[in-house]
Amino acid sequence: EPLSAEGDEVFLFPTPQQLCGLSGAQLMGCGLGYRTRYIQNAAAQASSGTLDLGALAALPDDALFSRLLELDGVGKKVANCVCLFGYGRTAMAPIDVWIQRLIDEEFGGRDPFPSYGQQAGIVQQYLFYYKRSTRRSVAHKK
């Protein structure tokens, strides 16, 4: 649904019920690709109440992470992303290829995020931006 925010048009994230009302082709049209089936399954569970999104919010970080891993198609990176971006769990630091490259190249292969405690996810975002920015500038110089 469109929403006007400070003069810009933005769109609300669809509800599980709205997602359930879309066909696989419509979801594929959103660029979901192979993730379409996973989105449909999670939306159906949330819509039926077998996946209680409100109850997830009350779980401690480790329990939330573990519960998300039980969902079809959710691995460690996605579970960490949902914890950080969906539930505001700033201690969670998703590790994608850019962050793994940063860990390998800048930290000698040792994961620095546990030492940042409750701010690990925030630091991860700054380091992600740094790594993407410096990688691009190095590529442009060649």
N, C-alpha and C. Protein backbone atom coordinates (compact mmCIF):
# COMPACT_ATOMS: atom_id res chain seq x y z
N GLU A 1 0.83 -1.17 0.00
CA GLU A 1 0.00 0.00 0.00
C GLU A 1 0.88 1.24 0.00
N PRO A 2 0.55 2.20 -0.88
CA PRO A 2 1.34 3.44 -0.90
C PRO A 2 1.07 4.29 0.34
N LEU A 3 2.08 5.00 0.74
CA LEU A 3 2.00 5.89 1.91
C LEU A 3 2.84 7.11 1.59
N SER A 4 2.31 8.29 1.88
CA SER A 4 3.06 9.52 1.67
C SER A 4 3.86 9.83 2.93
N ALA A 5 5.16 9.96 2.78
CA ALA A 5 6.04 10.25 3.92
C ALA A 5 6.96 11.40 3.56
N GLU A 6 6.74 12.52 4.20
CA GLU A 6 7.56 13.72 3.97
C GLU A 6 7.65 14.06 2.49
N GLY A 7 6.51 13.95 1.79
CA GLY A 7 6.47 14.32 0.38
C GLY A 7 6.87 13.21 -0.57
N ASP A 8 7.40 12.11 -0.06
CA ASP A 8 7.78 10.99 -0.91
C ASP A 8 6.73 9.89 -0.79
N GLU A 9 6.55 9.16 -1.87
CA GLU A 9 5.67 8.01 -1.81
C GLU A 9 6.50 6.78 -1.47
N VAL A 10 6.12 6.11 -0.41
CA VAL A 10 6.77 4.87 0.00
C VAL A 10 5.68 3.80 0.09
N PHE A 11 6.09 2.57 0.27
CA PHE A 11 5.12 1.49 0.31
C PHE A 11 5.27 0.70 1.60
N LEU A 12 4.13 0.38 2.22
CA LEU A 12 4.13 -0.44 3.42
C LEU A 12 4.48 -1.87 3.05
N PHE A 13 5.09 -2.59 3.99
CA PHE A 13 5.37 -4.00 3.78
C PHE A 13 4.03 -4.73 3.84
N PRO A 14 3.79 -5.68 2.94
CA PRO A 14 2.50 -6.37 2.95
C PRO A 14 2.31 -7.25 4.18
N THR A 15 1.07 -7.41 4.58
CA THR A 15 0.74 -8.29 5.69
C THR A 15 0.84 -9.74 5.21
N PRO A 16 0.94 -10.69 6.13
CA PRO A 16 0.93 -12.10 5.72
C PRO A 16 -0.33 -12.45 4.92
N GLN A 17 -1.47 -11.89 5.32
CA GLN A 17 -2.70 -12.16 4.61
C GLN A 17 -2.65 -11.63 3.17
N GLN A 18 -2.07 -10.45 2.99
CA GLN A 18 -1.93 -9.90 1.64
C GLN A 18 -1.00 -10.77 0.81
N LEU A 19 0.09 -11.23 1.40
CA LEU A 19 1.01 -12.11 0.68
C LEU A 19 0.33 -13.41 0.28
N CYS A 20 -0.51 -13.95 1.17
CA CYS A 20 -1.23 -15.19 0.87
C CYS A 20 -2.19 -15.01 -0.30
N GLY A 21 -2.65 -13.80 -0.52
CA GLY A 21 -3.58 -13.52 -1.60
C GLY A 21 -2.91 -13.38 -2.97
N LEU A 22 -1.58 -13.42 -3.00
CA LEU A 22 -0.87 -13.28 -4.26
C LEU A 22 -0.51 -14.65 -4.82
N SER A 23 -0.49 -14.73 -6.12
CA SER A 23 -0.09 -15.98 -6.76
C SER A 23 1.44 -16.08 -6.77
N GLY A 24 1.91 -17.27 -7.05
CA GLY A 24 3.35 -17.48 -7.18
C GLY A 24 3.93 -16.57 -8.26
N ALA A 25 3.19 -16.42 -9.36
CA ALA A 25 3.66 -15.56 -10.46
C ALA A 25 3.76 -14.10 -10.02
N GLN A 26 2.77 -13.65 -9.22
CA GLN A 26 2.82 -12.28 -8.74
C GLN A 26 4.02 -12.07 -7.81
N LEU A 27 4.28 -13.03 -6.95
CA LEU A 27 5.44 -12.93 -6.05
C LEU A 27 6.74 -12.99 -6.85
N MET A 28 6.79 -13.86 -7.84
CA MET A 28 7.98 -13.93 -8.70
C MET A 28 8.21 -12.58 -9.38
N GLY A 29 7.13 -11.90 -9.72
CA GLY A 29 7.23 -10.58 -10.35
C GLY A 29 7.85 -9.53 -9.45
N CYS A 30 7.91 -9.82 -8.15
CA CYS A 30 8.57 -8.92 -7.19
C CYS A 30 10.07 -9.19 -7.12
N GLY A 31 10.55 -10.14 -7.90
CA GLY A 31 11.98 -10.45 -7.90
C GLY A 31 12.39 -11.42 -6.81
N LEU A 32 11.44 -12.20 -6.29
CA LEU A 32 11.76 -13.13 -5.21
C LEU A 32 12.49 -14.38 -5.69
N GLY A 33 12.33 -14.73 -6.94
CA GLY A 33 13.01 -15.90 -7.49
C GLY A 33 12.72 -17.16 -6.69
N TYR A 34 13.79 -17.92 -6.40
CA TYR A 34 13.64 -19.19 -5.67
C TYR A 34 13.07 -18.99 -4.27
N ARG A 35 13.09 -17.76 -3.76
CA ARG A 35 12.58 -17.49 -2.41
C ARG A 35 11.05 -17.47 -2.35
N THR A 36 10.39 -17.45 -3.50
CA THR A 36 8.94 -17.36 -3.55
C THR A 36 8.28 -18.42 -2.67
N ARG A 37 8.69 -19.66 -2.80
CA ARG A 37 8.10 -20.75 -2.02
C ARG A 37 8.27 -20.52 -0.52
N TYR A 38 9.44 -20.02 -0.12
CA TYR A 38 9.71 -19.78 1.30
C TYR A 38 8.82 -18.65 1.84
N ILE A 39 8.65 -17.61 1.05
CA ILE A 39 7.80 -16.48 1.44
C ILE A 39 6.35 -16.96 1.56
N GLN A 40 5.89 -17.75 0.59
CA GLN A 40 4.52 -18.26 0.64
C GLN A 40 4.31 -19.11 1.89
N ASN A 41 5.25 -19.98 2.21
CA ASN A 41 5.12 -20.85 3.39
C ASN A 41 5.10 -20.04 4.68
N ALA A 42 6.01 -19.10 4.81
CA ALA A 42 6.07 -18.28 6.03
C ALA A 42 4.82 -17.42 6.16
N ALA A 43 4.35 -16.85 5.05
CA ALA A 43 3.13 -16.03 5.09
C ALA A 43 1.93 -16.87 5.49
N ALA A 44 1.84 -18.08 4.97
CA ALA A 44 0.72 -18.96 5.32
C ALA A 44 0.76 -19.31 6.81
N GLN A 45 1.95 -19.58 7.34
CA GLN A 45 2.07 -19.90 8.76
C GLN A 45 1.71 -18.69 9.62
N ALA A 46 2.18 -17.51 9.23
CA ALA A 46 1.87 -16.29 10.00
C ALA A 46 0.38 -15.97 9.92
N SER A 47 -0.20 -16.16 8.75
CA SER A 47 -1.61 -15.86 8.57
C SER A 47 -2.50 -16.81 9.37
N SER A 48 -2.09 -18.07 9.46
CA SER A 48 -2.89 -19.06 10.20
C SER A 48 -2.63 -19.02 11.70
N GLY A 49 -1.56 -18.35 12.11
CA GLY A 49 -1.23 -18.26 13.52
C GLY A 49 -0.26 -19.34 14.00
N THR A 50 0.13 -20.27 13.12
CA THR A 50 1.10 -21.28 13.55
C THR A 50 2.49 -20.67 13.71
N LEU A 51 2.69 -19.53 13.08
CA LEU A 51 3.90 -18.73 13.28
C LEU A 51 3.42 -17.42 13.87
N ASP A 52 3.55 -17.26 15.17
CA ASP A 52 3.05 -16.09 15.88
C ASP A 52 4.14 -15.02 15.93
N LEU A 53 4.03 -14.06 15.03
CA LEU A 53 5.06 -13.02 14.92
C LEU A 53 5.16 -12.18 16.19
N GLY A 54 4.05 -11.97 16.86
CA GLY A 54 4.06 -11.22 18.12
C GLY A 54 4.79 -11.99 19.22
N ALA A 55 4.55 -13.29 19.29
CA ALA A 55 5.23 -14.12 20.30
C ALA A 55 6.73 -14.18 20.03
N LEU A 56 7.11 -14.17 18.76
CA LEU A 56 8.54 -14.17 18.43
C LEU A 56 9.23 -12.94 19.01
N ALA A 57 8.55 -11.82 18.99
CA ALA A 57 9.12 -10.57 19.50
C ALA A 57 9.47 -10.65 20.98
N ALA A 58 8.77 -11.49 21.71
CA ALA A 58 9.00 -11.61 23.15
C ALA A 58 10.14 -12.57 23.50
N LEU A 59 10.63 -13.32 22.50
CA LEU A 59 11.69 -14.29 22.77
C LEU A 59 13.04 -13.61 22.96
N PRO A 60 13.91 -14.20 23.77
CA PRO A 60 15.29 -13.71 23.84
C PRO A 60 15.99 -13.96 22.50
N ASP A 61 17.07 -13.25 22.25
CA ASP A 61 17.78 -13.33 20.97
C ASP A 61 18.06 -14.76 20.52
N ASP A 62 18.64 -15.58 21.37
CA ASP A 62 19.01 -16.94 20.99
C ASP A 62 17.79 -17.77 20.62
N ALA A 63 16.72 -17.64 21.37
CA ALA A 63 15.50 -18.40 21.10
C ALA A 63 14.84 -17.92 19.81
N LEU A 64 14.84 -16.62 19.58
CA LEU A 64 14.30 -16.06 18.34
C LEU A 64 15.08 -16.60 17.16
N PHE A 65 16.39 -16.53 17.24
CA PHE A 65 17.27 -17.02 16.17
C PHE A 65 16.97 -18.49 15.89
N SER A 66 16.91 -19.30 16.93
CA SER A 66 16.65 -20.74 16.78
C SER A 66 15.29 -21.01 16.14
N ARG A 67 14.28 -20.26 16.56
CA ARG A 67 12.93 -20.46 16.00
C ARG A 67 12.90 -20.10 14.53
N LEU A 68 13.59 -19.03 14.16
CA LEU A 68 13.62 -18.64 12.75
C LEU A 68 14.31 -19.69 11.90
N LEU A 69 15.34 -20.34 12.44
CA LEU A 69 16.04 -21.39 11.69
C LEU A 69 15.15 -22.59 11.40
N GLU A 70 14.06 -22.73 12.13
CA GLU A 70 13.13 -23.84 11.90
C GLU A 70 12.27 -23.61 10.65
N LEU A 71 12.21 -22.38 10.17
CA LEU A 71 11.39 -22.08 8.99
C LEU A 71 12.08 -22.55 7.72
N ASP A 72 11.31 -23.10 6.81
CA ASP A 72 11.82 -23.57 5.54
C ASP A 72 12.50 -22.43 4.79
N GLY A 73 13.74 -22.65 4.40
CA GLY A 73 14.48 -21.66 3.61
C GLY A 73 15.23 -20.63 4.42
N VAL A 74 15.16 -20.70 5.74
CA VAL A 74 15.86 -19.72 6.58
C VAL A 74 17.13 -20.35 7.14
N GLY A 75 18.26 -19.74 6.76
CA GLY A 75 19.55 -20.14 7.29
C GLY A 75 20.06 -19.10 8.26
N LYS A 76 21.31 -19.25 8.65
CA LYS A 76 21.89 -18.35 9.66
C LYS A 76 21.86 -16.88 9.24
N LYS A 77 22.24 -16.60 8.00
CA LYS A 77 22.29 -15.20 7.56
C LYS A 77 20.90 -14.56 7.60
N VAL A 78 19.91 -15.26 7.04
CA VAL A 78 18.56 -14.71 7.00
C VAL A 78 18.00 -14.57 8.42
N ALA A 79 18.24 -15.57 9.27
CA ALA A 79 17.76 -15.48 10.65
C ALA A 79 18.38 -14.28 11.36
N ASN A 80 19.67 -14.07 11.15
CA ASN A 80 20.33 -12.90 11.74
C ASN A 80 19.75 -11.60 11.18
N CYS A 81 19.48 -11.56 9.88
CA CYS A 81 18.89 -10.36 9.27
C CYS A 81 17.51 -10.07 9.85
N VAL A 82 16.69 -11.10 9.99
CA VAL A 82 15.35 -10.90 10.56
C VAL A 82 15.46 -10.43 12.00
N CYS A 83 16.37 -11.02 12.75
CA CYS A 83 16.57 -10.58 14.14
C CYS A 83 16.97 -9.11 14.20
N LEU A 84 17.94 -8.74 13.37
CA LEU A 84 18.47 -7.37 13.40
C LEU A 84 17.48 -6.37 12.82
N PHE A 85 17.04 -6.59 11.58
CA PHE A 85 16.23 -5.60 10.88
C PHE A 85 14.74 -5.70 11.20
N GLY A 86 14.24 -6.91 11.46
CA GLY A 86 12.82 -7.09 11.72
C GLY A 86 12.45 -6.93 13.18
N TYR A 87 13.37 -7.32 14.06
CA TYR A 87 13.07 -7.30 15.49
C TYR A 87 13.99 -6.39 16.29
N GLY A 88 14.85 -5.63 15.61
CA GLY A 88 15.69 -4.65 16.29
C GLY A 88 16.70 -5.24 17.26
N ARG A 89 17.12 -6.47 17.02
CA ARG A 89 18.08 -7.13 17.90
C ARG A 89 19.49 -6.75 17.47
N THR A 90 19.99 -5.65 18.00
CA THR A 90 21.25 -5.07 17.55
C THR A 90 22.49 -5.88 17.92
N ALA A 91 22.33 -6.92 18.72
CA ALA A 91 23.47 -7.79 19.02
C ALA A 91 23.72 -8.79 17.89
N MET A 92 22.78 -8.90 16.96
CA MET A 92 22.88 -9.88 15.89
C MET A 92 23.59 -9.26 14.69
N ALA A 93 24.61 -9.96 14.18
CA ALA A 93 25.40 -9.44 13.06
C ALA A 93 25.38 -10.45 11.90
N PRO A 94 24.56 -10.19 10.87
CA PRO A 94 24.51 -11.09 9.72
C PRO A 94 25.85 -11.16 9.00
N ILE A 95 26.21 -12.36 8.57
CA ILE A 95 27.47 -12.54 7.85
C ILE A 95 27.15 -13.01 6.44
N ASP A 96 27.27 -12.09 5.49
CA ASP A 96 27.10 -12.44 4.08
C ASP A 96 28.48 -12.50 3.43
N VAL A 97 28.53 -12.59 2.10
CA VAL A 97 29.84 -12.71 1.44
C VAL A 97 30.70 -11.47 1.66
N TRP A 98 30.09 -10.28 1.72
CA TRP A 98 30.87 -9.06 1.94
C TRP A 98 31.47 -9.03 3.34
N ILE A 99 30.68 -9.41 4.32
CA ILE A 99 31.17 -9.40 5.70
C ILE A 99 32.19 -10.51 5.90
N GLN A 100 31.98 -11.67 5.28
CA GLN A 100 32.97 -12.74 5.39
C GLN A 100 34.29 -12.31 4.77
N ARG A 101 34.22 -11.62 3.64
CA ARG A 101 35.43 -11.10 2.99
C ARG A 101 36.13 -10.10 3.92
N LEU A 102 35.35 -9.25 4.56
CA LEU A 102 35.90 -8.28 5.51
C LEU A 102 36.58 -9.00 6.68
N ILE A 103 35.91 -10.01 7.23
CA ILE A 103 36.49 -10.77 8.35
C ILE A 103 37.81 -11.40 7.92
N ASP A 104 37.83 -11.99 6.73
CA ASP A 104 39.04 -12.65 6.24
C ASP A 104 40.16 -11.64 5.97
N GLU A 105 39.84 -10.54 5.32
CA GLU A 105 40.87 -9.59 4.88
C GLU A 105 41.28 -8.58 5.94
N GLU A 106 40.35 -8.16 6.77
CA GLU A 106 40.65 -7.10 7.73
C GLU A 106 40.89 -7.61 9.15
N PHE A 107 40.37 -8.80 9.45
CA PHE A 107 40.46 -9.32 10.82
C PHE A 107 41.15 -10.68 10.88
N GLY A 108 41.88 -11.02 9.82
CA GLY A 108 42.64 -12.27 9.82
C GLY A 108 41.78 -13.51 10.01
N GLY A 109 40.52 -13.46 9.57
CA GLY A 109 39.63 -14.60 9.67
C GLY A 109 38.92 -14.74 11.02
N ARG A 110 39.18 -13.84 11.95
CA ARG A 110 38.53 -13.91 13.28
C ARG A 110 37.32 -12.99 13.30
N ASP A 111 36.18 -13.53 13.67
CA ASP A 111 34.93 -12.77 13.73
C ASP A 111 35.02 -11.72 14.84
N PRO A 112 34.99 -10.43 14.48
CA PRO A 112 35.11 -9.38 15.50
C PRO A 112 33.81 -9.04 16.22
N PHE A 113 32.68 -9.50 15.70
CA PHE A 113 31.39 -9.02 16.19
C PHE A 113 31.04 -9.39 17.62
N PRO A 114 31.41 -10.57 18.11
CA PRO A 114 31.08 -10.86 19.50
C PRO A 114 31.63 -9.83 20.49
N SER A 115 32.77 -9.23 20.16
CA SER A 115 33.35 -8.25 21.09
C SER A 115 32.55 -6.95 21.15
N TYR A 116 31.63 -6.73 20.21
CA TYR A 116 30.83 -5.51 20.20
C TYR A 116 29.51 -5.67 20.96
N GLY A 117 29.24 -6.85 21.48
CA GLY A 117 28.06 -7.07 22.31
C GLY A 117 26.77 -6.62 21.67
N GLN A 118 26.02 -5.80 22.38
CA GLN A 118 24.70 -5.34 21.93
C GLN A 118 24.77 -4.40 20.73
N GLN A 119 25.94 -3.94 20.36
CA GLN A 119 26.08 -3.05 19.21
C GLN A 119 26.62 -3.77 17.98
N ALA A 120 26.79 -5.09 18.03
CA ALA A 120 27.40 -5.85 16.94
C ALA A 120 26.71 -5.62 15.60
N GLY A 121 25.39 -5.62 15.58
CA GLY A 121 24.65 -5.43 14.34
C GLY A 121 24.81 -4.04 13.77
N ILE A 122 24.95 -3.06 14.63
CA ILE A 122 25.16 -1.68 14.18
C ILE A 122 26.56 -1.55 13.58
N VAL A 123 27.55 -2.09 14.26
CA VAL A 123 28.92 -2.08 13.75
C VAL A 123 28.98 -2.83 12.42
N GLN A 124 28.27 -3.95 12.34
CA GLN A 124 28.25 -4.74 11.11
C GLN A 124 27.77 -3.89 9.94
N GLN A 125 26.76 -3.06 10.16
CA GLN A 125 26.24 -2.22 9.08
C GLN A 125 27.27 -1.19 8.61
N TYR A 126 28.00 -0.59 9.53
CA TYR A 126 29.06 0.34 9.15
C TYR A 126 30.16 -0.37 8.39
N LEU A 127 30.56 -1.54 8.87
CA LEU A 127 31.62 -2.29 8.20
C LEU A 127 31.18 -2.81 6.83
N PHE A 128 29.92 -3.18 6.73
CA PHE A 128 29.37 -3.59 5.43
C PHE A 128 29.48 -2.44 4.43
N TYR A 129 29.05 -1.26 4.85
CA TYR A 129 29.14 -0.09 3.98
C TYR A 129 30.60 0.20 3.62
N TYR A 130 31.47 0.15 4.58
CA TYR A 130 32.90 0.36 4.35
C TYR A 130 33.43 -0.61 3.30
N LYS A 131 33.14 -1.90 3.48
CA LYS A 131 33.68 -2.91 2.58
C LYS A 131 33.13 -2.73 1.18
N ARG A 132 31.85 -2.47 1.05
CA ARG A 132 31.27 -2.26 -0.27
C ARG A 132 31.85 -1.00 -0.92
N SER A 133 32.04 0.05 -0.14
CA SER A 133 32.56 1.31 -0.68
C SER A 133 34.00 1.18 -1.12
N THR A 134 34.82 0.56 -0.29
CA THR A 134 36.24 0.45 -0.64
C THR A 134 36.45 -0.54 -1.78
N ARG A 135 35.63 -1.57 -1.85
CA ARG A 135 35.75 -2.55 -2.93
C ARG A 135 35.41 -1.88 -4.25
N ARG A 136 34.37 -1.04 -4.25
CA ARG A 136 33.97 -0.35 -5.47
C ARG A 136 35.04 0.64 -5.92
N SER A 137 35.60 1.39 -4.98
CA SER A 137 36.61 2.38 -5.35
C SER A 137 37.87 1.71 -5.85
N VAL A 138 38.23 0.56 -5.30
CA VAL A 138 39.40 -0.18 -5.79
C VAL A 138 39.12 -0.69 -7.21
N ALA A 139 37.91 -1.20 -7.44
CA ALA A 139 37.55 -1.71 -8.76
C ALA A 139 37.57 -0.60 -9.81
N HIS A 140 37.13 0.62 -9.43
CA HIS A 140 37.13 1.73 -10.38
C HIS A 140 38.53 2.23 -10.69
N LYS A 141 39.48 2.04 -9.80
CA LYS A 141 40.84 2.52 -10.02
C LYS A 141 41.62 1.63 -10.98
N LYS A 142 41.17 0.40 -11.15
CA LYS A 142 41.90 -0.53 -12.03
C LYS A 142 41.71 -0.22 -13.47
